[in-house]
Amino acid sequence: MQYASIGDIVFEITSYKQHSENQEYIYAKHQTILPPSSLQFMGTELREINIAIRFHREFCNPLEEYKKLQEIAKQGTAQKLIIANTVVGDFVIKKINAEFQQIDVFGKPIVIDCNIELLEYIEKQLEQKNTTPKKKEKQKKQYKNNATTKDKKNAEKIITKKTNPDGYQYHEIIQRKQ
């Protein structure tokens, strides 16, 4: 009977030992002038699932199954994790801890116990800001349009270019009241 699978590897009920799940919740702690501090819920962290399995020669080729597990981990791609006919989500293999329990006279493993740490994989699109620099020509045109009319006495705004003592140039805007 199939209990769990990740990618192409299916763990039969005869080789399954246990699994545990870890879920963290993130809170920001804000120090305040008057105690107590306040907390702000920030969301959930990625889930971690630990599965302990046993590959036994009576049910599979333990070394082959162990190598398949290593290949999935080396690919670094997310795989569907299914536990008891329920799709849990996409996970990557974070860590494999293997113990070779028994080896036959030819050096082939009879029993390999594996503890597999899986980490939830959620793909997020990063927000991107369009940060194209403004052209200096456009800025100059804006200053000319806003600042100068042929008759400065009738202008609402006068923009003058000045230099501060450090040598930096800036524009001073004078608002006229009419």
C-alpha atoms as a PDB file:
ATOM      1  CA  MET A   1       0.000   0.000   0.000  1.00  0.00           C
ATOM      2  CA  GLN A   2       1.354   3.428  -0.955  1.00  0.00           C
ATOM      3  CA  TYR A   3       1.772   5.801   1.961  1.00  0.00           C
ATOM      4  CA  ALA A   4       3.872   8.672   0.631  1.00  0.00           C
ATOM      5  CA  SER A   5       5.678   9.739  -2.515  1.00  0.00           C
ATOM      6  CA  ILE A   6       7.952  12.546  -3.588  1.00  0.00           C
ATOM      7  CA  GLY A   7       8.729  12.839  -7.267  1.00  0.00           C
ATOM      8  CA  ASP A   8       9.115   9.341  -8.714  1.00  0.00           C
ATOM      9  CA  ILE A   9       9.884   7.686  -5.375  1.00  0.00           C
ATOM     10  CA  VAL A  10       6.986   5.905  -3.694  1.00  0.00           C
ATOM     11  CA  PHE A  11       7.258   4.900  -0.035  1.00  0.00           C
ATOM     12  CA  GLU A  12       5.243   1.790   0.665  1.00  0.00           C
ATOM     13  CA  ILE A  13       3.522   1.366   4.012  1.00  0.00           C
ATOM     14  CA  THR A  14       5.951  -1.467   4.809  1.00  0.00           C
ATOM     15  CA  SER A  15       8.909   0.930   4.599  1.00  0.00           C
ATOM     16  CA  TYR A  16       7.324   3.898   6.348  1.00  0.00           C
ATOM     17  CA  LYS A  17       8.384   4.620   9.941  1.00  0.00           C
ATOM     18  CA  GLN A  18       7.081   8.064  10.883  1.00  0.00           C
ATOM     19  CA  HIS A  19       6.780  11.673   9.837  1.00  0.00           C
ATOM     20  CA  SER A  20       6.620  14.965  11.675  1.00  0.00           C
ATOM     21  CA  GLU A  21       5.704  18.475  10.580  1.00  0.00           C
ATOM     22  CA  ASN A  22       7.003  21.825  11.800  1.00  0.00           C
ATOM     23  CA  GLN A  23       5.187  25.091  11.173  1.00  0.00           C
ATOM     24  CA  GLU A  24       6.541  28.425  12.429  1.00  0.00           C
ATOM     25  CA  TYR A  25       4.587  31.644  12.809  1.00  0.00           C
ATOM     26  CA  ILE A  26       6.434  34.940  12.597  1.00  0.00           C
ATOM     27  CA  TYR A  27       5.808  37.814  15.005  1.00  0.00           C
ATOM     28  CA  ALA A  28       7.588  41.159  15.136  1.00  0.00           C
ATOM     29  CA  LYS A  29       8.144  42.424  18.665  1.00  0.00           C
ATOM     30  CA  HIS A  30       7.903  46.202  19.043  1.00  0.00           C
ATOM     31  CA  GLN A  31       9.458  47.783  22.103  1.00  0.00           C
ATOM     32  CA  THR A  32       7.328  50.572  23.536  1.00  0.00           C
ATOM     33  CA  ILE A  33       8.008  53.296  26.068  1.00  0.00           C
ATOM     34  CA  LEU A  34       5.520  51.816  28.525  1.00  0.00           C
ATOM     35  CA  PRO A  35       5.629  48.049  29.062  1.00  0.00           C
ATOM     36  CA  PRO A  36       4.531  45.583  27.851  1.00  0.00           C
ATOM     37  CA  SER A  37       5.879  45.378  24.297  1.00  0.00           C
ATOM     38  CA  SER A  38       3.479  44.783  21.450  1.00  0.00           C
ATOM     39  CA  LEU A  39       3.462  41.978  18.908  1.00  0.00           C
ATOM     40  CA  GLN A  40       2.571  42.109  15.241  1.00  0.00           C
ATOM     41  CA  PHE A  41       1.671  38.939  13.338  1.00  0.00           C
ATOM     42  CA  MET A  42       3.788  38.817  10.161  1.00  0.00           C
ATOM     43  CA  GLY A  43       2.650  35.499   8.665  1.00  0.00           C
ATOM     44  CA  THR A  44       3.783  31.925   8.401  1.00  0.00           C
ATOM     45  CA  GLU A  45       7.178  30.532   7.573  1.00  0.00           C
ATOM     46  CA  LEU A  46       7.712  27.647   5.150  1.00  0.00           C
ATOM     47  CA  ARG A  47       6.616  24.242   6.466  1.00  0.00           C
ATOM     48  CA  GLU A  48       9.196  21.578   7.257  1.00  0.00           C
ATOM     49  CA  ILE A  49       8.332  17.897   7.101  1.00  0.00           C
ATOM     50  CA  ASN A  50      10.596  15.139   8.389  1.00  0.00           C
ATOM     51  CA  ILE A  51       9.975  11.608   7.123  1.00  0.00           C
ATOM     52  CA  ALA A  52      11.709   8.542   8.535  1.00  0.00           C
ATOM     53  CA  ILE A  53      11.653   5.574   6.144  1.00  0.00           C
ATOM     54  CA  ARG A  54      13.279   2.173   5.864  1.00  0.00           C
ATOM     55  CA  PHE A  55      14.438   0.671   2.579  1.00  0.00           C
ATOM     56  CA  HIS A  56      14.586  -3.133   2.974  1.00  0.00           C
ATOM     57  CA  ARG A  57      15.837  -5.690   0.461  1.00  0.00           C
ATOM     58  CA  GLU A  58      12.618  -7.714   0.795  1.00  0.00           C
ATOM     59  CA  PHE A  59      10.581  -4.826  -0.679  1.00  0.00           C
ATOM     60  CA  CYS A  60      12.999  -2.912  -2.942  1.00  0.00           C
ATOM     61  CA  ASN A  61      16.628  -2.419  -3.866  1.00  0.00           C
ATOM     62  CA  PRO A  62      17.709  -0.186  -0.955  1.00  0.00           C
ATOM     63  CA  LEU A  63      20.785   1.271  -2.663  1.00  0.00           C
ATOM     64  CA  GLU A  64      18.840   2.133  -5.841  1.00  0.00           C
ATOM     65  CA  GLU A  65      16.093   3.878  -3.887  1.00  0.00           C
ATOM     66  CA  TYR A  66      18.652   5.782  -1.810  1.00  0.00           C
ATOM     67  CA  LYS A  67      20.446   6.953  -4.989  1.00  0.00           C
ATOM     68  CA  LYS A  68      17.108   8.082  -6.514  1.00  0.00           C
ATOM     69  CA  LEU A  69      16.496  10.143  -3.392  1.00  0.00           C
ATOM     70  CA  GLN A  70      19.948  11.725  -3.694  1.00  0.00           C
ATOM     71  CA  GLU A  71      19.335  12.568  -7.368  1.00  0.00           C
ATOM     72  CA  ILE A  72      16.080  14.372  -6.554  1.00  0.00           C
ATOM     73  CA  ALA A  73      17.916  16.331  -3.836  1.00  0.00           C
ATOM     74  CA  LYS A  74      20.775  17.263  -6.208  1.00  0.00           C
ATOM     75  CA  GLN A  75      18.357  18.516  -8.874  1.00  0.00           C
ATOM     76  CA  GLY A  76      17.131  21.145  -6.444  1.00  0.00           C
ATOM     77  CA  THR A  77      13.700  21.273  -8.058  1.00  0.00           C
ATOM     78  CA  ALA A  78      10.428  21.182  -6.180  1.00  0.00           C
ATOM     79  CA  GLN A  79       8.535  17.889  -6.208  1.00  0.00           C
ATOM     80  CA  LYS A  80       4.928  17.107  -5.290  1.00  0.00           C
ATOM     81  CA  LEU A  81       4.716  15.502  -1.857  1.00  0.00           C
ATOM     82  CA  ILE A  82       1.802  13.128  -1.408  1.00  0.00           C
ATOM     83  CA  ILE A  83       1.015  11.595   1.990  1.00  0.00           C
ATOM     84  CA  ALA A  84      -1.833   9.091   2.319  1.00  0.00           C
ATOM     85  CA  ASN A  85      -3.406  10.080  -1.019  1.00  0.00           C
ATOM     86  CA  THR A  86      -3.382  13.781  -0.055  1.00  0.00           C
ATOM     87  CA  VAL A  87      -1.254  16.252  -1.990  1.00  0.00           C
ATOM     88  CA  VAL A  88       0.587  18.189   0.705  1.00  0.00           C
ATOM     89  CA  GLY A  89       2.303  20.612  -1.693  1.00  0.00           C
ATOM     90  CA  ASP A  90       5.599  21.261  -3.435  1.00  0.00           C
ATOM     91  CA  PHE A  91       8.709  20.452  -1.420  1.00  0.00           C
ATOM     92  CA  VAL A  92      12.469  20.274  -1.888  1.00  0.00           C
ATOM     93  CA  ILE A  93      14.774  17.873  -0.090  1.00  0.00           C
ATOM     94  CA  LYS A  94      16.768  19.878   2.421  1.00  0.00           C
ATOM     95  CA  LYS A  95      18.684  17.033   4.063  1.00  0.00           C
ATOM     96  CA  ILE A  96      19.056  13.255   3.897  1.00  0.00           C
ATOM     97  CA  ASN A  97      20.458  11.367   6.865  1.00  0.00           C
ATOM     98  CA  ALA A  98      21.034   7.683   5.966  1.00  0.00           C
ATOM     99  CA  GLU A  99      22.063   4.782   8.206  1.00  0.00           C
ATOM    100  CA  PHE A 100      23.115   1.504   6.606  1.00  0.00           C
ATOM    101  CA  GLN A 101      21.724  -0.949   9.175  1.00  0.00           C
ATOM    102  CA  GLN A 102      22.620  -4.296   7.585  1.00  0.00           C
ATOM    103  CA  ILE A 103      24.978  -5.298   4.780  1.00  0.00           C
ATOM    104  CA  ASP A 104      25.205  -8.778   3.211  1.00  0.00           C
ATOM    105  CA  VAL A 105      28.409 -10.774   2.549  1.00  0.00           C
ATOM    106  CA  PHE A 106      28.738  -9.179  -0.922  1.00  0.00           C
ATOM    107  CA  GLY A 107      28.724  -5.625   0.496  1.00  0.00           C
ATOM    108  CA  LYS A 108      25.190  -4.812  -0.648  1.00  0.00           C
ATOM    109  CA  PRO A 109      22.916  -3.104   1.867  1.00  0.00           C
ATOM    110  CA  ILE A 110      19.983  -5.083   3.226  1.00  0.00           C
ATOM    111  CA  VAL A 111      18.451  -2.251   5.268  1.00  0.00           C
ATOM    112  CA  ILE A 112      18.919   1.506   4.882  1.00  0.00           C
ATOM    113  CA  ASP A 113      17.096   3.827   7.290  1.00  0.00           C
ATOM    114  CA  CYS A 114      16.687   7.388   5.998  1.00  0.00           C
ATOM    115  CA  ASN A 115      15.558  10.531   7.725  1.00  0.00           C
ATOM    116  CA  ILE A 116      14.546  13.046   5.067  1.00  0.00           C
ATOM    117  CA  GLU A 117      14.027  16.736   5.807  1.00  0.00           C
ATOM    118  CA  LEU A 118      11.705  18.404   3.309  1.00  0.00           C
ATOM    119  CA  LEU A 119      11.171  22.149   2.992  1.00  0.00           C
ATOM    120  CA  GLU A 120       8.062  23.670   1.444  1.00  0.00           C
ATOM    121  CA  TYR A 121       8.641  25.436  -1.858  1.00  0.00           C
ATOM    122  CA  ILE A 122       6.519  28.467  -2.670  1.00  0.00           C
ATOM    123  CA  GLU A 123       7.431  30.505  -5.711  1.00  0.00           C
ATOM    124  CA  LYS A 124       6.894  34.229  -5.343  1.00  0.00           C
ATOM    125  CA  GLN A 125       7.127  36.890  -7.976  1.00  0.00           C
ATOM    126  CA  LEU A 126       9.323  39.700  -6.714  1.00  0.00           C
ATOM    127  CA  GLU A 127       7.901  43.177  -7.013  1.00  0.00           C
ATOM    128  CA  GLN A 128       9.887  45.320  -9.387  1.00  0.00           C
ATOM    129  CA  LYS A 129       9.918  49.080  -9.522  1.00  0.00           C
ATOM    130  CA  ASN A 130      10.554  50.871 -12.755  1.00  0.00           C
ATOM    131  CA  THR A 131      13.510  53.059 -11.863  1.00  0.00           C
ATOM    132  CA  THR A 132      14.498  54.582 -15.158  1.00  0.00           C
ATOM    133  CA  PRO A 133      16.477  57.759 -14.567  1.00  0.00           C
ATOM    134  CA  LYS A 134      14.973  60.963 -15.866  1.00  0.00           C
ATOM    135  CA  LYS A 135      16.867  62.584 -18.658  1.00  0.00           C
ATOM    136  CA  LYS A 136      18.544  65.863 -17.827  1.00  0.00           C
ATOM    137  CA  GLU A 137      17.104  67.461 -20.942  1.00  0.00           C
ATOM    138  CA  LYS A 138      13.542  66.891 -19.736  1.00  0.00           C
ATOM    139  CA  GLN A 139      14.404  68.382 -16.374  1.00  0.00           C
ATOM    140  CA  LYS A 140      15.968  71.440 -17.978  1.00  0.00           C
ATOM    141  CA  LYS A 141      12.899  71.963 -20.160  1.00  0.00           C
ATOM    142  CA  GLN A 142      10.632  71.760 -17.110  1.00  0.00           C
ATOM    143  CA  TYR A 143      12.685  74.402 -15.293  1.00  0.00           C
ATOM    144  CA  LYS A 144      12.657  76.665 -18.314  1.00  0.00           C
ATOM    145  CA  ASN A 145       8.912  76.297 -18.772  1.00  0.00           C
ATOM    146  CA  ASN A 146       8.127  76.898 -15.107  1.00  0.00           C
ATOM    147  CA  ALA A 147      10.732  79.519 -14.339  1.00  0.00           C
ATOM    148  CA  THR A 148      11.032  81.933 -17.098  1.00  0.00           C
ATOM    149  CA  THR A 149       8.633  84.093 -18.876  1.00  0.00           C
ATOM    150  CA  LYS A 150       9.970  87.015 -20.823  1.00  0.00           C
ATOM    151  CA  ASP A 151       8.573  89.348 -18.258  1.00  0.00           C
ATOM    152  CA  LYS A 152       9.772  88.234 -14.792  1.00  0.00           C
ATOM    153  CA  LYS A 153       7.620  90.842 -13.093  1.00  0.00           C
ATOM    154  CA  ASN A 154       4.448  88.930 -14.088  1.00  0.00           C
ATOM    155  CA  ALA A 155       5.797  85.415 -13.361  1.00  0.00           C
ATOM    156  CA  GLU A 156       4.224  83.404 -10.532  1.00  0.00           C
ATOM    157  CA  LYS A 157       7.429  81.448  -9.842  1.00  0.00           C
ATOM    158  CA  ILE A 158      11.006  82.406 -10.409  1.00  0.00           C
ATOM    159  CA  ILE A 159      13.625  79.678 -10.399  1.00  0.00           C
ATOM    160  CA  THR A 160      17.236  80.734 -10.033  1.00  0.00           C
ATOM    161  CA  LYS A 161      20.323  78.576 -10.126  1.00  0.00           C
ATOM    162  CA  LYS A 162      22.606  79.038  -7.106  1.00  0.00           C
ATOM    163  CA  THR A 163      25.749  77.442  -5.724  1.00  0.00           C
ATOM    164  CA  ASN A 164      26.188  76.702  -2.020  1.00  0.00           C
ATOM    165  CA  PRO A 165      29.511  77.168  -0.154  1.00  0.00           C
ATOM    166  CA  ASP A 166      30.449  73.507  -0.766  1.00  0.00           C
ATOM    167  CA  GLY A 167      30.217  73.991  -4.528  1.00  0.00           C
ATOM    168  CA  TYR A 168      26.939  72.111  -5.079  1.00  0.00           C
ATOM    169  CA  GLN A 169      24.441  73.685  -7.425  1.00  0.00           C
ATOM    170  CA  TYR A 170      20.760  73.911  -6.566  1.00  0.00           C
ATOM    171  CA  HIS A 171      17.665  75.733  -7.777  1.00  0.00           C
ATOM    172  CA  GLU A 172      15.894  78.268  -5.635  1.00  0.00           C
ATOM    173  CA  ILE A 173      12.178  78.732  -6.289  1.00  0.00           C
ATOM    174  CA  ILE A 174      10.641  82.043  -5.321  1.00  0.00           C
ATOM    175  CA  GLN A 175       6.844  82.178  -5.167  1.00  0.00           C
ATOM    176  CA  ARG A 176       5.388  85.580  -5.933  1.00  0.00           C
ATOM    177  CA  LYS A 177       2.138  86.787  -4.498  1.00  0.00           C
ATOM    178  CA  GLN A 178      -0.084  88.763  -6.790  1.00  0.00           C
END
